[in-house]
């Protein structure tokens, strides 16, 4: 059964790997990214991409109609 999963940090090493694997398993993936260029690449791969900066605030709408979330913090 396909699930809708939110992935933050989807352009990093772990997040990009997880996003690819989830898509390959047939899940619908909503990614949260800060760059339009990276959003476009994720869309080409089959993911939904939402432009947002989680440092500013978490938008509850990002998580609407989702089954799970993979929240990856960028390394500092």
PDB file of N, CA and C in Angstrom:
ATOM      1  N   UNK A   1       0.838  -1.176   0.000  1.00  0.00           N
ATOM      2  CA  UNK A   1       0.000   0.000   0.000  1.00  0.00           C
ATOM      3  C   UNK A   1       0.888   1.247   0.000  1.00  0.00           C
ATOM      4  N   UNK A   2       0.632   2.141  -0.909  1.00  0.00           N
ATOM      5  CA  UNK A   2       1.397   3.376  -1.028  1.00  0.00           C
ATOM      6  C   UNK A   2       1.054   4.339   0.103  1.00  0.00           C
ATOM      7  N   UNK A   3       2.066   4.972   0.638  1.00  0.00           N
ATOM      8  CA  UNK A   3       1.875   5.968   1.694  1.00  0.00           C
ATOM      9  C   UNK A   3       2.420   7.306   1.211  1.00  0.00           C
ATOM     10  N   UNK A   4       1.916   8.374   1.817  1.00  0.00           N
ATOM     11  CA  UNK A   4       2.445   9.709   1.541  1.00  0.00           C
ATOM     12  C   UNK A   4       3.375  10.066   2.694  1.00  0.00           C
ATOM     13  N   UNK A   5       4.638  10.350   2.355  1.00  0.00           N
ATOM     14  CA  UNK A   5       5.663  10.578   3.362  1.00  0.00           C
ATOM     15  C   UNK A   5       6.349  11.922   3.106  1.00  0.00           C
ATOM     16  N   UNK A   6       6.487  12.709   4.161  1.00  0.00           N
ATOM     17  CA  UNK A   6       7.209  13.973   4.091  1.00  0.00           C
ATOM     18  C   UNK A   6       8.668  13.706   4.432  1.00  0.00           C
ATOM     19  N   UNK A   7       9.573  14.266   3.632  1.00  0.00           N
ATOM     20  CA  UNK A   7      11.004  14.144   3.911  1.00  0.00           C
ATOM     21  C   UNK A   7      11.610  15.541   3.957  1.00  0.00           C
ATOM     22  N   UNK A   8      12.174  15.907   5.113  1.00  0.00           N
ATOM     23  CA  UNK A   8      12.952  17.144   5.184  1.00  0.00           C
ATOM     24  C   UNK A   8      14.413  16.761   4.972  1.00  0.00           C
ATOM     25  N   UNK A   9      15.205  17.705   4.522  1.00  0.00           N
ATOM     26  CA  UNK A   9      16.602  17.399   4.239  1.00  0.00           C
ATOM     27  C   UNK A   9      16.761  16.494   3.035  1.00  0.00           C
ATOM     28  N   UNK A  10      15.813  16.572   2.113  1.00  0.00           N
ATOM     29  CA  UNK A  10      15.772  15.647   0.979  1.00  0.00           C
ATOM     30  C   UNK A  10      16.872  15.870  -0.047  1.00  0.00           C
ATOM     31  N   UNK A  11      17.639  16.940   0.083  1.00  0.00           N
ATOM     32  CA  UNK A  11      18.716  17.171  -0.875  1.00  0.00           C
ATOM     33  C   UNK A  11      20.078  16.812  -0.299  1.00  0.00           C
ATOM     34  N   UNK A  12      20.110  16.396   0.956  1.00  0.00           N
ATOM     35  CA  UNK A  12      21.361  15.970   1.572  1.00  0.00           C
ATOM     36  C   UNK A  12      21.660  14.509   1.268  1.00  0.00           C
ATOM     37  N   UNK A  13      22.746  14.007   1.836  1.00  0.00           N
ATOM     38  CA  UNK A  13      23.164  12.624   1.566  1.00  0.00           C
ATOM     39  C   UNK A  13      22.121  11.612   2.002  1.00  0.00           C
ATOM     40  N   UNK A  14      21.679  11.698   3.229  1.00  0.00           N
ATOM     41  CA  UNK A  14      20.721  10.726   3.752  1.00  0.00           C
ATOM     42  C   UNK A  14      19.337  10.962   3.157  1.00  0.00           C
ATOM     43  N   UNK A  15      18.910  12.223   3.123  1.00  0.00           N
ATOM     44  CA  UNK A  15      17.575  12.540   2.624  1.00  0.00           C
ATOM     45  C   UNK A  15      17.376  12.192   1.163  1.00  0.00           C
ATOM     46  N   UNK A  16      18.387  12.436   0.350  1.00  0.00           N
ATOM     47  CA  UNK A  16      18.245  12.119  -1.081  1.00  0.00           C
ATOM     48  C   UNK A  16      18.195  10.608  -1.287  1.00  0.00           C
ATOM     49  N   UNK A  17      19.001   9.867  -0.526  1.00  0.00           N
ATOM     50  CA  UNK A  17      18.955   8.405  -0.613  1.00  0.00           C
ATOM     51  C   UNK A  17      17.589   7.890  -0.175  1.00  0.00           C
ATOM     52  N   UNK A  18      17.093   8.395   0.946  1.00  0.00           N
ATOM     53  CA  UNK A  18      15.789   7.957   1.457  1.00  0.00           C
ATOM     54  C   UNK A  18      14.680   8.287   0.475  1.00  0.00           C
ATOM     55  N   UNK A  19      14.731   9.485  -0.110  1.00  0.00           N
ATOM     56  CA  UNK A  19      13.705   9.899  -1.075  1.00  0.00           C
ATOM     57  C   UNK A  19      13.687   8.962  -2.275  1.00  0.00           C
ATOM     58  N   UNK A  20      14.854   8.647  -2.815  1.00  0.00           N
ATOM     59  CA  UNK A  20      14.939   7.735  -3.966  1.00  0.00           C
ATOM     60  C   UNK A  20      14.379   6.357  -3.621  1.00  0.00           C
ATOM     61  N   UNK A  21      14.731   5.858  -2.454  1.00  0.00           N
ATOM     62  CA  UNK A  21      14.257   4.541  -2.042  1.00  0.00           C
ATOM     63  C   UNK A  21      12.747   4.523  -1.845  1.00  0.00           C
ATOM     64  N   UNK A  22      12.212   5.554  -1.206  1.00  0.00           N
ATOM     65  CA  UNK A  22      10.764   5.627  -0.982  1.00  0.00           C
ATOM     66  C   UNK A  22      10.004   5.701  -2.301  1.00  0.00           C
ATOM     67  N   UNK A  23      10.517   6.494  -3.242  1.00  0.00           N
ATOM     68  CA  UNK A  23       9.877   6.580  -4.554  1.00  0.00           C
ATOM     69  C   UNK A  23       9.942   5.235  -5.276  1.00  0.00           C
ATOM     70  N   UNK A  24      11.084   4.564  -5.175  1.00  0.00           N
ATOM     71  CA  UNK A  24      11.248   3.264  -5.830  1.00  0.00           C
ATOM     72  C   UNK A  24      10.288   2.224  -5.254  1.00  0.00           C
ATOM     73  N   UNK A  25       9.934   2.386  -3.988  1.00  0.00           N
ATOM     74  CA  UNK A  25       8.985   1.467  -3.349  1.00  0.00           C
ATOM     75  C   UNK A  25       7.526   1.835  -3.642  1.00  0.00           C
ATOM     76  N   UNK A  26       7.335   2.924  -4.396  1.00  0.00           N
ATOM     77  CA  UNK A  26       5.997   3.308  -4.808  1.00  0.00           C
ATOM     78  C   UNK A  26       5.282   4.284  -3.893  1.00  0.00           C
ATOM     79  N   UNK A  27       6.007   4.845  -2.931  1.00  0.00           N
ATOM     80  CA  UNK A  27       5.387   5.812  -2.029  1.00  0.00           C
ATOM     81  C   UNK A  27       5.332   7.185  -2.681  1.00  0.00           C
ATOM     82  N   UNK A  28       4.413   8.003  -2.223  1.00  0.00           N
ATOM     83  CA  UNK A  28       4.322   9.394  -2.650  1.00  0.00           C
ATOM     84  C   UNK A  28       5.135  10.213  -1.649  1.00  0.00           C
ATOM     85  N   UNK A  29       6.111  10.956  -2.153  1.00  0.00           N
ATOM     86  CA  UNK A  29       7.032  11.663  -1.270  1.00  0.00           C
ATOM     87  C   UNK A  29       6.884  13.165  -1.463  1.00  0.00           C
ATOM     88  N   UNK A  30       6.663  13.850  -0.350  1.00  0.00           N
ATOM     89  CA  UNK A  30       6.631  15.319  -0.332  1.00  0.00           C
ATOM     90  C   UNK A  30       7.927  15.775   0.323  1.00  0.00           C
ATOM     91  N   UNK A  31       8.751  16.471  -0.433  1.00  0.00           N
ATOM     92  CA  UNK A  31      10.027  16.937   0.092  1.00  0.00           C
ATOM     93  C   UNK A  31       9.939  18.417   0.452  1.00  0.00           C
ATOM     94  N   UNK A  32      10.753  18.810   1.396  1.00  0.00           N
ATOM     95  CA  UNK A  32      10.829  20.204   1.821  1.00  0.00           C
ATOM     96  C   UNK A  32      12.233  20.685   1.495  1.00  0.00           C
ATOM     97  N   UNK A  33      12.322  21.676   0.606  1.00  0.00           N
ATOM     98  CA  UNK A  33      13.625  22.155   0.138  1.00  0.00           C
ATOM     99  C   UNK A  33      13.672  23.675   0.151  1.00  0.00           C
ATOM    100  N   UNK A  34      14.894  24.206   0.134  1.00  0.00           N
ATOM    101  CA  UNK A  34      15.075  25.662   0.167  1.00  0.00           C
ATOM    102  C   UNK A  34      15.429  26.247  -1.192  1.00  0.00           C
ATOM    103  N   UNK A  35      15.722  25.414  -2.175  1.00  0.00           N
ATOM    104  CA  UNK A  35      16.196  25.886  -3.473  1.00  0.00           C
ATOM    105  C   UNK A  35      15.239  25.455  -4.586  1.00  0.00           C
ATOM    106  N   UNK A  36      14.879  26.387  -5.451  1.00  0.00           N
ATOM    107  CA  UNK A  36      14.008  26.059  -6.579  1.00  0.00           C
ATOM    108  C   UNK A  36      14.679  25.080  -7.525  1.00  0.00           C
ATOM    109  N   UNK A  37      15.977  25.229  -7.747  1.00  0.00           N
ATOM    110  CA  UNK A  37      16.711  24.326  -8.636  1.00  0.00           C
ATOM    111  C   UNK A  37      16.646  22.898  -8.103  1.00  0.00           C
ATOM    112  N   UNK A  38      16.864  22.733  -6.801  1.00  0.00           N
ATOM    113  CA  UNK A  38      16.809  21.398  -6.206  1.00  0.00           C
ATOM    114  C   UNK A  38      15.373  20.868  -6.183  1.00  0.00           C
ATOM    115  N   UNK A  39      14.421  21.763  -5.997  1.00  0.00           N
ATOM    116  CA  UNK A  39      13.007  21.356  -6.044  1.00  0.00           C
ATOM    117  C   UNK A  39      12.664  20.809  -7.427  1.00  0.00           C
ATOM    118  N   UNK A  40      13.144  21.475  -8.462  1.00  0.00           N
ATOM    119  CA  UNK A  40      12.873  21.020  -9.826  1.00  0.00           C
ATOM    120  C   UNK A  40      13.451  19.628 -10.079  1.00  0.00           C
ATOM    121  N   UNK A  41      14.653  19.364  -9.557  1.00  0.00           N
ATOM    122  CA  UNK A  41      15.274  18.044  -9.732  1.00  0.00           C
ATOM    123  C   UNK A  41      14.474  16.961  -9.025  1.00  0.00           C
ATOM    124  N   UNK A  42      13.974  17.282  -7.830  1.00  0.00           N
ATOM    125  CA  UNK A  42      13.170  16.304  -7.097  1.00  0.00           C
ATOM    126  C   UNK A  42      11.845  16.036  -7.803  1.00  0.00           C
ATOM    127  N   UNK A  43      11.265  17.082  -8.379  1.00  0.00           N
ATOM    128  CA  UNK A  43      10.023  16.903  -9.126  1.00  0.00           C
ATOM    129  C   UNK A  43      10.249  15.999 -10.335  1.00  0.00           C
ATOM    130  N   UNK A  44      11.385  16.180 -11.013  1.00  0.00           N
ATOM    131  CA  UNK A  44      11.720  15.330 -12.161  1.00  0.00           C
ATOM    132  C   UNK A  44      11.838  13.865 -11.740  1.00  0.00           C
ATOM    133  N   UNK A  45      12.273  13.641 -10.500  1.00  0.00           N
ATOM    134  CA  UNK A  45      12.428  12.278  -9.991  1.00  0.00           C
ATOM    135  C   UNK A  45      11.103  11.674  -9.537  1.00  0.00           C
ATOM    136  N   UNK A  46      10.052  12.510  -9.468  1.00  0.00           N
ATOM    137  CA  UNK A  46       8.735  12.000  -9.099  1.00  0.00           C
ATOM    138  C   UNK A  46       8.228  12.428  -7.745  1.00  0.00           C
ATOM    139  N   UNK A  47       8.999  13.234  -7.038  1.00  0.00           N
ATOM    140  CA  UNK A  47       8.586  13.703  -5.716  1.00  0.00           C
ATOM    141  C   UNK A  47       7.826  15.020  -5.831  1.00  0.00           C
ATOM    142  N   UNK A  48       7.020  15.296  -4.840  1.00  0.00           N
ATOM    143  CA  UNK A  48       6.429  16.628  -4.695  1.00  0.00           C
ATOM    144  C   UNK A  48       7.469  17.457  -3.939  1.00  0.00           C
ATOM    145  N   UNK A  49       7.699  18.679  -4.345  1.00  0.00           N
ATOM    146  CA  UNK A  49       8.690  19.529  -3.683  1.00  0.00           C
ATOM    147  C   UNK A  49       8.030  20.820  -3.218  1.00  0.00           C
ATOM    148  N   UNK A  50       8.222  21.123  -1.950  1.00  0.00           N
ATOM    149  CA  UNK A  50       7.678  22.334  -1.357  1.00  0.00           C
ATOM    150  C   UNK A  50       8.843  23.211  -0.931  1.00  0.00           C
ATOM    151  N   UNK A  51       8.838  24.453  -1.394  1.00  0.00           N
ATOM    152  CA  UNK A  51       9.878  25.398  -0.981  1.00  0.00           C
ATOM    153  C   UNK A  51       9.555  25.929   0.407  1.00  0.00           C
ATOM    154  N   UNK A  52      10.474  25.713   1.336  1.00  0.00           N
ATOM    155  CA  UNK A  52      10.285  26.203   2.706  1.00  0.00           C
ATOM    156  C   UNK A  52      11.625  26.184   3.411  1.00  0.00           C
ATOM    157  N   UNK A  53      11.744  27.039   4.404  1.00  0.00           N
ATOM    158  CA  UNK A  53      12.917  27.064   5.253  1.00  0.00           C
ATOM    159  C   UNK A  53      12.455  26.719   6.657  1.00  0.00           C
ATOM    160  N   UNK A  54      12.804  25.552   7.110  1.00  0.00           N
ATOM    161  CA  UNK A  54      12.336  25.096   8.410  1.00  0.00           C
ATOM    162  C   UNK A  54      12.968  25.865   9.567  1.00  0.00           C
ATOM    163  N   UNK A  55      14.008  26.650   9.292  1.00  0.00           N
ATOM    164  CA  UNK A  55      14.577  27.499  10.336  1.00  0.00           C
ATOM    165  C   UNK A  55      13.631  28.632  10.704  1.00  0.00           C
ATOM    166  N   UNK A  56      12.770  29.017   9.768  1.00  0.00           N
ATOM    167  CA  UNK A  56      11.827  30.109  10.021  1.00  0.00           C
ATOM    168  C   UNK A  56      10.636  29.629  10.834  1.00  0.00           C
ATOM    169  N   UNK A  57       9.988  28.593  10.360  1.00  0.00           N
ATOM    170  CA  UNK A  57       8.840  28.051  11.082  1.00  0.00           C
ATOM    171  C   UNK A  57       8.388  26.761  10.410  1.00  0.00           C
ATOM    172  N   UNK A  58       7.749  25.939  11.181  1.00  0.00           N
ATOM    173  CA  UNK A  58       7.162  24.714  10.637  1.00  0.00           C
ATOM    174  C   UNK A  58       5.744  25.048  10.194  1.00  0.00           C
ATOM    175  N   UNK A  59       5.444  24.749   8.972  1.00  0.00           N
ATOM    176  CA  UNK A  59       4.093  24.991   8.468  1.00  0.00           C
ATOM    177  C   UNK A  59       3.283  23.709   8.584  1.00  0.00           C
ATOM    178  N   UNK A  60       2.229  23.732   9.389  1.00  0.00           N
ATOM    179  CA  UNK A  60       1.414  22.520   9.547  1.00  0.00           C
ATOM    180  C   UNK A  60       0.905  21.962   8.220  1.00  0.00           C
ATOM    181  N   UNK A  61       0.682  22.822   7.240  1.00  0.00           N
ATOM    182  CA  UNK A  61       0.164  22.357   5.949  1.00  0.00           C
ATOM    183  C   UNK A  61       1.127  21.388   5.264  1.00  0.00           C
ATOM    184  N   UNK A  62       2.404  21.477   5.590  1.00  0.00           N
ATOM    185  CA  UNK A  62       3.374  20.563   4.988  1.00  0.00           C
ATOM    186  C   UNK A  62       3.070  19.106   5.334  1.00  0.00           C
ATOM    187  N   UNK A  63       2.425  18.918   6.479  1.00  0.00           N
ATOM    188  CA  UNK A  63       2.202  17.567   6.977  1.00  0.00           C
ATOM    189  C   UNK A  63       0.755  17.093   6.817  1.00  0.00           C
ATOM    190  N   UNK A  64      -0.088  17.900   6.181  1.00  0.00           N
ATOM    191  CA  UNK A  64      -1.480  17.500   5.967  1.00  0.00           C
ATOM    192  C   UNK A  64      -1.550  16.325   4.999  1.00  0.00           C
ATOM    193  N   UNK A  65      -2.469  15.425   5.264  1.00  0.00           N
ATOM    194  CA  UNK A  65      -2.704  14.265   4.405  1.00  0.00           C
ATOM    195  C   UNK A  65      -1.457  13.408   4.218  1.00  0.00           C
ATOM    196  N   UNK A  66      -0.664  13.267   5.272  1.00  0.00           N
ATOM    197  CA  UNK A  66       0.512  12.408   5.200  1.00  0.00           C
ATOM    198  C   UNK A  66       0.386  11.262   6.194  1.00  0.00           C
ATOM    199  N   UNK A  67       1.086  10.205   5.896  1.00  0.00           N
ATOM    200  CA  UNK A  67       1.083   9.033   6.760  1.00  0.00           C
ATOM    201  C   UNK A  67       2.300   8.977   7.676  1.00  0.00           C
ATOM    202  N   UNK A  68       3.398   9.606   7.241  1.00  0.00           N
ATOM    203  CA  UNK A  68       4.629   9.548   8.021  1.00  0.00           C
ATOM    204  C   UNK A  68       5.523  10.723   7.639  1.00  0.00           C
ATOM    205  N   UNK A  69       6.522  10.959   8.477  1.00  0.00           N
ATOM    206  CA  UNK A  69       7.498  12.012   8.190  1.00  0.00           C
ATOM    207  C   UNK A  69       8.890  11.522   8.560  1.00  0.00           C
ATOM    208  N   UNK A  70       9.842  11.836   7.710  1.00  0.00           N
ATOM    209  CA  UNK A  70      11.252  11.573   7.972  1.00  0.00           C
ATOM    210  C   UNK A  70      11.898  12.948   8.097  1.00  0.00           C
ATOM    211  N   UNK A  71      12.206  13.336   9.328  1.00  0.00           N
ATOM    212  CA  UNK A  71      12.723  14.679   9.607  1.00  0.00           C
ATOM    213  C   UNK A  71      14.222  14.598   9.798  1.00  0.00           C
ATOM    214  N   UNK A  72      14.948  15.130   8.820  1.00  0.00           N
ATOM    215  CA  UNK A  72      16.412  15.091   8.858  1.00  0.00           C
ATOM    216  C   UNK A  72      16.918  16.517   9.042  1.00  0.00           C
ATOM    217  N   UNK A  73      17.685  16.711  10.085  1.00  0.00           N
ATOM    218  CA  UNK A  73      18.284  18.019  10.368  1.00  0.00           C
ATOM    219  C   UNK A  73      19.583  18.156   9.610  1.00  0.00           C
ATOM    220  N   UNK A  74      19.861  19.325   9.041  1.00  0.00           N
ATOM    221  CA  UNK A  74      21.155  19.500   8.392  1.00  0.00           C
ATOM    222  C   UNK A  74      22.271  19.507   9.442  1.00  0.00           C
ATOM    223  N   UNK A  75      23.423  19.021   9.056  1.00  0.00           N
ATOM    224  CA  UNK A  75      24.536  19.040  10.004  1.00  0.00           C
ATOM    225  C   UNK A  75      25.025  20.475  10.180  1.00  0.00           C
ATOM    226  N   UNK A  76      25.452  20.770  11.348  1.00  0.00           N
ATOM    227  CA  UNK A  76      25.913  22.137  11.654  1.00  0.00           C
ATOM    228  C   UNK A  76      27.397  22.173  11.839  1.00  0.00           C
TER     229      UNK A  76
END
